[in-house]
Amino acid sequence: AGVDVLSQEPPAADNPLLSAQNLTVTPHVAWGT
């Protein structure tokens, strides 16, 4: 999986996705205009 958004940003230290295998988290660039 790849995500550029999480349910809480910045993420809580215990967010289970932060230690998940085969996951890429990238910055959300909706502000990129």
PDB file of all heavy atoms in Angstrom:
ATOM      1  N   ALA A   1       0.845  -1.189   0.000  1.00  0.00           N
ATOM      2  CA  ALA A   1       0.000   0.000   0.000  1.00  0.00           C
ATOM      3  C   ALA A   1       0.880   1.239   0.000  1.00  0.00           C
ATOM      4  O   ALA A   1       2.022   1.208   0.454  1.00  0.00           O
ATOM      5  CB  ALA A   1      -0.931   0.006   1.219  1.00  0.00           C
ATOM      6  N   GLY A   2       0.309   2.311  -0.508  1.00  0.00           N
ATOM      7  CA  GLY A   2       0.948   3.619  -0.473  1.00  0.00           C
ATOM      8  C   GLY A   2      -0.106   4.636  -0.079  1.00  0.00           C
ATOM      9  O   GLY A   2      -1.227   4.603  -0.600  1.00  0.00           O
ATOM     10  N   VAL A   3       0.227   5.481   0.863  1.00  0.00           N
ATOM     11  CA  VAL A   3      -0.722   6.506   1.323  1.00  0.00           C
ATOM     12  C   VAL A   3      -0.003   7.845   1.444  1.00  0.00           C
ATOM     13  O   VAL A   3       1.184   7.897   1.758  1.00  0.00           O
ATOM     14  CB  VAL A   3      -1.371   6.125   2.679  1.00  0.00           C
ATOM     15  CG1 VAL A   3      -2.119   4.804   2.578  1.00  0.00           C
ATOM     16  CG2 VAL A   3      -0.346   6.041   3.795  1.00  0.00           C
ATOM     17  N   ASP A   4      -0.735   8.892   1.158  1.00  0.00           N
ATOM     18  CA  ASP A   4      -0.171  10.216   1.433  1.00  0.00           C
ATOM     19  C   ASP A   4      -1.035  10.959   2.451  1.00  0.00           C
ATOM     20  O   ASP A   4      -0.888  12.159   2.636  1.00  0.00           O
ATOM     21  CB  ASP A   4       0.049  11.027   0.156  1.00  0.00           C
ATOM     22  CG  ASP A   4      -1.214  11.542  -0.489  1.00  0.00           C
ATOM     23  OD1 ASP A   4      -2.310  11.115  -0.086  1.00  0.00           O
ATOM     24  OD2 ASP A   4      -1.114  12.387  -1.393  1.00  0.00           O
ATOM     25  N   VAL A   5      -1.913  10.217   3.100  1.00  0.00           N
ATOM     26  CA  VAL A   5      -2.764  10.769   4.154  1.00  0.00           C
ATOM     27  C   VAL A   5      -2.962   9.707   5.227  1.00  0.00           C
ATOM     28  O   VAL A   5      -2.962   8.516   4.944  1.00  0.00           O
ATOM     29  CB  VAL A   5      -4.146  11.210   3.614  1.00  0.00           C
ATOM     30  CG1 VAL A   5      -4.031  12.442   2.759  1.00  0.00           C
ATOM     31  CG2 VAL A   5      -4.822  10.089   2.842  1.00  0.00           C
ATOM     32  N   LEU A   6      -3.112  10.148   6.456  1.00  0.00           N
ATOM     33  CA  LEU A   6      -3.422   9.264   7.572  1.00  0.00           C
ATOM     34  C   LEU A   6      -4.628   9.839   8.299  1.00  0.00           C
ATOM     35  O   LEU A   6      -4.999  10.997   8.080  1.00  0.00           O
ATOM     36  CB  LEU A   6      -2.218   9.145   8.510  1.00  0.00           C
ATOM     37  CG  LEU A   6      -0.967   8.510   7.893  1.00  0.00           C
ATOM     38  CD1 LEU A   6       0.238   8.714   8.803  1.00  0.00           C
ATOM     39  CD2 LEU A   6      -1.198   7.036   7.617  1.00  0.00           C
ATOM     40  N   SER A   7      -5.224   9.051   9.171  1.00  0.00           N
ATOM     41  CA  SER A   7      -6.431   9.516   9.863  1.00  0.00           C
ATOM     42  C   SER A   7      -6.143  10.695  10.782  1.00  0.00           C
ATOM     43  O   SER A   7      -7.020  11.517  11.034  1.00  0.00           O
ATOM     44  CB  SER A   7      -7.044   8.376  10.659  1.00  0.00           C
ATOM     45  OG  SER A   7      -6.137   7.937  11.651  1.00  0.00           O
ATOM     46  N   GLN A   8      -4.935  10.777  11.287  1.00  0.00           N
ATOM     47  CA  GLN A   8      -4.523  11.891  12.150  1.00  0.00           C
ATOM     48  C   GLN A   8      -3.157  12.357  11.680  1.00  0.00           C
ATOM     49  O   GLN A   8      -2.251  11.540  11.510  1.00  0.00           O
ATOM     50  CB  GLN A   8      -4.443  11.433  13.608  1.00  0.00           C
ATOM     51  CG  GLN A   8      -3.945  12.496  14.557  1.00  0.00           C
ATOM     52  CD  GLN A   8      -3.737  11.940  15.961  1.00  0.00           C
ATOM     53  OE1 GLN A   8      -4.317  10.942  16.351  1.00  0.00           O
ATOM     54  NE2 GLN A   8      -2.896  12.604  16.722  1.00  0.00           N
ATOM     55  N   GLU A   9      -3.029  13.647  11.456  1.00  0.00           N
ATOM     56  CA  GLU A   9      -1.749  14.198  11.006  1.00  0.00           C
ATOM     57  C   GLU A   9      -1.379  15.386  11.868  1.00  0.00           C
ATOM     58  O   GLU A   9      -2.210  16.274  12.050  1.00  0.00           O
ATOM     59  CB  GLU A   9      -1.829  14.572   9.538  1.00  0.00           C
ATOM     60  CG  GLU A   9      -2.015  13.330   8.670  1.00  0.00           C
ATOM     61  CD  GLU A   9      -2.091  13.635   7.186  1.00  0.00           C
ATOM     62  OE1 GLU A   9      -1.936  14.804   6.807  1.00  0.00           O
ATOM     63  OE2 GLU A   9      -2.309  12.701   6.422  1.00  0.00           O
ATOM     64  N   PRO A  10      -0.182  15.432  12.414  1.00  0.00           N
ATOM     65  CA  PRO A  10       0.808  14.359  12.330  1.00  0.00           C
ATOM     66  C   PRO A  10       0.294  13.113  13.037  1.00  0.00           C
ATOM     67  O   PRO A  10      -0.522  13.197  13.955  1.00  0.00           O
ATOM     68  CB  PRO A  10       2.036  14.939  13.020  1.00  0.00           C
ATOM     69  CG  PRO A  10       1.552  16.047  13.873  1.00  0.00           C
ATOM     70  CD  PRO A  10       0.293  16.547  13.243  1.00  0.00           C
ATOM     71  N   PRO A  11       0.785  11.952  12.617  1.00  0.00           N
ATOM     72  CA  PRO A  11       0.271  10.700  13.176  1.00  0.00           C
ATOM     73  C   PRO A  11       0.705  10.495  14.621  1.00  0.00           C
ATOM     74  O   PRO A  11       1.773  10.942  15.030  1.00  0.00           O
ATOM     75  CB  PRO A  11       0.881   9.630  12.279  1.00  0.00           C
ATOM     76  CG  PRO A  11       2.097  10.264  11.711  1.00  0.00           C
ATOM     77  CD  PRO A  11       1.799  11.735  11.593  1.00  0.00           C
ATOM     78  N   ALA A  12      -0.154   9.803  15.362  1.00  0.00           N
ATOM     79  CA  ALA A  12       0.209   9.411  16.722  1.00  0.00           C
ATOM     80  C   ALA A  12       1.325   8.373  16.633  1.00  0.00           C
ATOM     81  O   ALA A  12       1.413   7.621  15.654  1.00  0.00           O
ATOM     82  CB  ALA A  12      -1.006   8.817  17.434  1.00  0.00           C
ATOM     83  N   ALA A  13       2.172   8.337  17.627  1.00  0.00           N
ATOM     84  CA  ALA A  13       3.304   7.407  17.627  1.00  0.00           C
ATOM     85  C   ALA A  13       2.852   5.956  17.551  1.00  0.00           C
ATOM     86  O   ALA A  13       3.581   5.101  17.043  1.00  0.00           O
ATOM     87  CB  ALA A  13       4.156   7.622  18.876  1.00  0.00           C
ATOM     88  N   ASP A  14       1.637   5.669  18.018  1.00  0.00           N
ATOM     89  CA  ASP A  14       1.152   4.286  18.007  1.00  0.00           C
ATOM     90  C   ASP A  14       0.287   3.967  16.786  1.00  0.00           C
ATOM     91  O   ASP A  14      -0.361   2.921  16.749  1.00  0.00           O
ATOM     92  CB  ASP A  14       0.395   3.976  19.295  1.00  0.00           C
ATOM     93  CG  ASP A  14      -0.857   4.820  19.464  1.00  0.00           C
ATOM     94  OD1 ASP A  14      -1.059   5.803  18.720  1.00  0.00           O
ATOM     95  OD2 ASP A  14      -1.654   4.488  20.371  1.00  0.00           O
ATOM     96  N   ASN A  15       0.300   4.811  15.762  1.00  0.00           N
ATOM     97  CA  ASN A  15      -0.470   4.519  14.549  1.00  0.00           C
ATOM     98  C   ASN A  15       0.052   3.204  13.966  1.00  0.00           C
ATOM     99  O   ASN A  15       1.243   3.079  13.681  1.00  0.00           O
ATOM    100  CB  ASN A  15      -0.327   5.651  13.538  1.00  0.00           C
ATOM    101  CG  ASN A  15      -1.174   5.442  12.306  1.00  0.00           C
ATOM    102  OD1 ASN A  15      -1.125   4.390  11.676  1.00  0.00           O
ATOM    103  ND2 ASN A  15      -1.955   6.447  11.957  1.00  0.00           N
ATOM    104  N   PRO A  16      -0.809   2.216  13.777  1.00  0.00           N
ATOM    105  CA  PRO A  16      -0.337   0.903  13.327  1.00  0.00           C
ATOM    106  C   PRO A  16       0.275   0.913  11.928  1.00  0.00           C
ATOM    107  O   PRO A  16       1.059   0.024  11.595  1.00  0.00           O
ATOM    108  CB  PRO A  16      -1.599   0.036  13.364  1.00  0.00           C
ATOM    109  CG  PRO A  16      -2.731   1.000  13.293  1.00  0.00           C
ATOM    110  CD  PRO A  16      -2.248   2.248  13.963  1.00  0.00           C
ATOM    111  N   LEU A  17      -0.038   1.904  11.126  1.00  0.00           N
ATOM    112  CA  LEU A  17       0.538   1.948   9.782  1.00  0.00           C
ATOM    113  C   LEU A  17       2.013   2.325   9.796  1.00  0.00           C
ATOM    114  O   LEU A  17       2.749   1.970   8.883  1.00  0.00           O
ATOM    115  CB  LEU A  17      -0.239   2.919   8.888  1.00  0.00           C
ATOM    116  CG  LEU A  17      -1.644   2.473   8.513  1.00  0.00           C
ATOM    117  CD1 LEU A  17      -2.297   3.501   7.594  1.00  0.00           C
ATOM    118  CD2 LEU A  17      -1.638   1.098   7.858  1.00  0.00           C
ATOM    119  N   LEU A  18       2.459   3.014  10.824  1.00  0.00           N
ATOM    120  CA  LEU A  18       3.852   3.455  10.862  1.00  0.00           C
ATOM    121  C   LEU A  18       4.835   2.294  10.955  1.00  0.00           C
ATOM    122  O   LEU A  18       5.996   2.447  10.594  1.00  0.00           O
ATOM    123  CB  LEU A  18       4.065   4.439  12.016  1.00  0.00           C
ATOM    124  CG  LEU A  18       3.270   5.743  11.915  1.00  0.00           C
ATOM    125  CD1 LEU A  18       3.585   6.634  13.107  1.00  0.00           C
ATOM    126  CD2 LEU A  18       3.531   6.454  10.603  1.00  0.00           C
ATOM    127  N   SER A  19       4.373   1.139  11.416  1.00  0.00           N
ATOM    128  CA  SER A  19       5.259  -0.025  11.505  1.00  0.00           C
ATOM    129  C   SER A  19       4.788  -1.167  10.594  1.00  0.00           C
ATOM    130  O   SER A  19       5.310  -2.282  10.691  1.00  0.00           O
ATOM    131  CB  SER A  19       5.347  -0.510  12.955  1.00  0.00           C
ATOM    132  OG  SER A  19       4.058  -0.862  13.423  1.00  0.00           O
ATOM    133  N   ALA A  20       3.836  -0.898   9.716  1.00  0.00           N
ATOM    134  CA  ALA A  20       3.317  -1.947   8.831  1.00  0.00           C
ATOM    135  C   ALA A  20       4.327  -2.286   7.745  1.00  0.00           C
ATOM    136  O   ALA A  20       5.094  -1.435   7.287  1.00  0.00           O
ATOM    137  CB  ALA A  20       1.999  -1.500   8.196  1.00  0.00           C
ATOM    138  N   GLN A  21       4.316  -3.545   7.324  1.00  0.00           N
ATOM    139  CA  GLN A  21       5.185  -4.010   6.246  1.00  0.00           C
ATOM    140  C   GLN A  21       4.623  -3.572   4.895  1.00  0.00           C
ATOM    141  O   GLN A  21       3.414  -3.409   4.740  1.00  0.00           O
ATOM    142  CB  GLN A  21       5.282  -5.531   6.264  1.00  0.00           C
ATOM    143  CG  GLN A  21       5.887  -6.081   7.523  1.00  0.00           C
ATOM    144  CD  GLN A  21       5.845  -7.607   7.530  1.00  0.00           C
ATOM    145  OE1 GLN A  21       5.741  -8.258   6.505  1.00  0.00           O
ATOM    146  NE2 GLN A  21       5.928  -8.171   8.718  1.00  0.00           N
ATOM    147  N   ASN A  22       5.506  -3.396   3.929  1.00  0.00           N
ATOM    148  CA  ASN A  22       5.120  -3.121   2.542  1.00  0.00           C
ATOM    149  C   ASN A  22       4.207  -1.909   2.404  1.00  0.00           C
ATOM    150  O   ASN A  22       3.260  -1.916   1.621  1.00  0.00           O
ATOM    151  CB  ASN A  22       4.473  -4.354   1.907  1.00  0.00           C
ATOM    152  CG  ASN A  22       5.418  -5.534   1.918  1.00  0.00           C
ATOM    153  OD1 ASN A  22       6.604  -5.381   1.685  1.00  0.00           O
ATOM    154  ND2 ASN A  22       4.899  -6.698   2.222  1.00  0.00           N
ATOM    155  N   LEU A  23       4.499  -0.876   3.183  1.00  0.00           N
ATOM    156  CA  LEU A  23       3.721   0.359   3.142  1.00  0.00           C
ATOM    157  C   LEU A  23       4.658   1.531   2.919  1.00  0.00           C
ATOM    158  O   LEU A  23       5.702   1.628   3.564  1.00  0.00           O
ATOM    159  CB  LEU A  23       2.952   0.581   4.441  1.00  0.00           C
ATOM    160  CG  LEU A  23       2.204   1.915   4.518  1.00  0.00           C
ATOM    161  CD1 LEU A  23       0.963   1.875   3.638  1.00  0.00           C
ATOM    162  CD2 LEU A  23       1.829   2.246   5.943  1.00  0.00           C
ATOM    163  N   THR A  24       4.272   2.408   2.020  1.00  0.00           N
ATOM    164  CA  THR A  24       4.994   3.656   1.816  1.00  0.00           C
ATOM    165  C   THR A  24       4.070   4.808   2.194  1.00  0.00           C
ATOM    166  O   THR A  24       2.930   4.869   1.729  1.00  0.00           O
ATOM    167  CB  THR A  24       5.434   3.801   0.347  1.00  0.00           C
ATOM    168  OG1 THR A  24       6.289   2.703   0.010  1.00  0.00           O
ATOM    169  CG2 THR A  24       6.162   5.108   0.110  1.00  0.00           C
ATOM    170  N   VAL A  25       4.559   5.690   3.057  1.00  0.00           N
ATOM    171  CA  VAL A  25       3.817   6.894   3.441  1.00  0.00           C
ATOM    172  C   VAL A  25       4.569   8.067   2.855  1.00  0.00           C
ATOM    173  O   VAL A  25       5.769   8.223   3.089  1.00  0.00           O
ATOM    174  CB  VAL A  25       3.718   7.040   4.973  1.00  0.00           C
ATOM    175  CG1 VAL A  25       2.951   8.305   5.342  1.00  0.00           C
ATOM    176  CG2 VAL A  25       3.055   5.814   5.594  1.00  0.00           C
ATOM    177  N   THR A  26       3.883   8.879   2.062  1.00  0.00           N
ATOM    178  CA  THR A  26       4.499  10.050   1.445  1.00  0.00           C
ATOM    179  C   THR A  26       3.755  11.300   1.883  1.00  0.00           C
ATOM    180  O   THR A  26       2.618  11.211   2.354  1.00  0.00           O
ATOM    181  CB  THR A  26       4.464   9.953  -0.102  1.00  0.00           C
ATOM    182  OG1 THR A  26       3.102   9.950  -0.526  1.00  0.00           O
ATOM    183  CG2 THR A  26       5.174   8.707  -0.592  1.00  0.00           C
ATOM    184  N   PRO A  27       4.347  12.469   1.723  1.00  0.00           N
ATOM    185  CA  PRO A  27       3.647  13.701   2.083  1.00  0.00           C
ATOM    186  C   PRO A  27       2.450  13.942   1.166  1.00  0.00           C
ATOM    187  O   PRO A  27       2.492  13.640  -0.021  1.00  0.00           O
ATOM    188  CB  PRO A  27       4.699  14.795   1.876  1.00  0.00           C
ATOM    189  CG  PRO A  27       5.995  14.098   1.744  1.00  0.00           C
ATOM    190  CD  PRO A  27       5.713  12.704   1.282  1.00  0.00           C
ATOM    191  N   HIS A  28       1.408  14.474   1.739  1.00  0.00           N
ATOM    192  CA  HIS A  28       0.220  14.856   0.971  1.00  0.00           C
ATOM    193  C   HIS A  28       0.531  16.184   0.290  1.00  0.00           C
ATOM    194  O   HIS A  28       0.960  17.127   0.940  1.00  0.00           O
ATOM    195  CB  HIS A  28      -0.967  15.001   1.929  1.00  0.00           C
ATOM    196  CG  HIS A  28      -2.267  15.188   1.246  1.00  0.00           C
ATOM    197  ND1 HIS A  28      -2.823  14.225   0.450  1.00  0.00           N
ATOM    198  CD2 HIS A  28      -3.126  16.219   1.244  1.00  0.00           C
ATOM    199  CE1 HIS A  28      -3.983  14.658  -0.013  1.00  0.00           C
ATOM    200  NE2 HIS A  28      -4.182  15.870   0.448  1.00  0.00           N
ATOM    201  N   VAL A  29       0.342  16.273  -1.010  1.00  0.00           N
ATOM    202  CA  VAL A  29       0.747  17.479  -1.733  1.00  0.00           C
ATOM    203  C   VAL A  29      -0.431  18.280  -2.262  1.00  0.00           C
ATOM    204  O   VAL A  29      -0.312  18.992  -3.248  1.00  0.00           O
ATOM    205  CB  VAL A  29       1.737  17.166  -2.873  1.00  0.00           C
ATOM    206  CG1 VAL A  29       3.045  16.653  -2.331  1.00  0.00           C
ATOM    207  CG2 VAL A  29       1.130  16.191  -3.856  1.00  0.00           C
ATOM    208  N   ALA A  30      -1.576  18.172  -1.607  1.00  0.00           N
ATOM    209  CA  ALA A  30      -2.729  18.962  -2.052  1.00  0.00           C
ATOM    210  C   ALA A  30      -2.437  20.455  -1.956  1.00  0.00           C
ATOM    211  O   ALA A  30      -3.073  21.254  -2.615  1.00  0.00           O
ATOM    212  CB  ALA A  30      -3.955  18.610  -1.217  1.00  0.00           C
ATOM    213  N   TRP A  31      -1.462  20.807  -1.165  1.00  0.00           N
ATOM    214  CA  TRP A  31      -1.101  22.214  -1.011  1.00  0.00           C
ATOM    215  C   TRP A  31      -0.153  22.665  -2.120  1.00  0.00           C
ATOM    216  O   TRP A  31       0.330  23.778  -2.112  1.00  0.00           O
ATOM    217  CB  TRP A  31      -0.430  22.436   0.344  1.00  0.00           C
ATOM    218  CG  TRP A  31       0.773  21.562   0.520  1.00  0.00           C
ATOM    219  CD1 TRP A  31       0.799  20.332   1.074  1.00  0.00           C
ATOM    220  CD2 TRP A  31       2.108  21.824   0.089  1.00  0.00           C
ATOM    221  NE1 TRP A  31       2.067  19.803   1.016  1.00  0.00           N
ATOM    222  CE2 TRP A  31       2.899  20.707   0.416  1.00  0.00           C
ATOM    223  CE3 TRP A  31       2.723  22.896  -0.547  1.00  0.00           C
ATOM    224  CZ2 TRP A  31       4.251  20.640   0.131  1.00  0.00           C
ATOM    225  CZ3 TRP A  31       4.078  22.809  -0.820  1.00  0.00           C
ATOM    226  CH2 TRP A  31       4.820  21.697  -0.485  1.00  0.00           C
ATOM    227  N   GLY A  32       0.127  21.837  -3.112  1.00  0.00           N
ATOM    228  CA  GLY A  32       1.168  22.100  -4.087  1.00  0.00           C
ATOM    229  C   GLY A  32       0.882  23.149  -5.146  1.00  0.00           C
ATOM    230  O   GLY A  32       1.713  23.355  -6.020  1.00  0.00           O
ATOM    231  N   THR A  33      -0.255  23.833  -5.091  1.00  0.00           N
ATOM    232  CA  THR A  33      -0.514  24.878  -6.080  1.00  0.00           C
ATOM    233  C   THR A  33       0.435  26.049  -5.866  1.00  0.00           C
ATOM    234  O   THR A  33       0.990  26.240  -4.784  1.00  0.00           O
ATOM    235  CB  THR A  33      -1.956  25.388  -5.981  1.00  0.00           C
ATOM    236  OG1 THR A  33      -2.127  26.016  -4.699  1.00  0.00           O
ATOM    237  CG2 THR A  33      -2.963  24.268  -6.159  1.00  0.00           C
TER     238      THR A  33
END
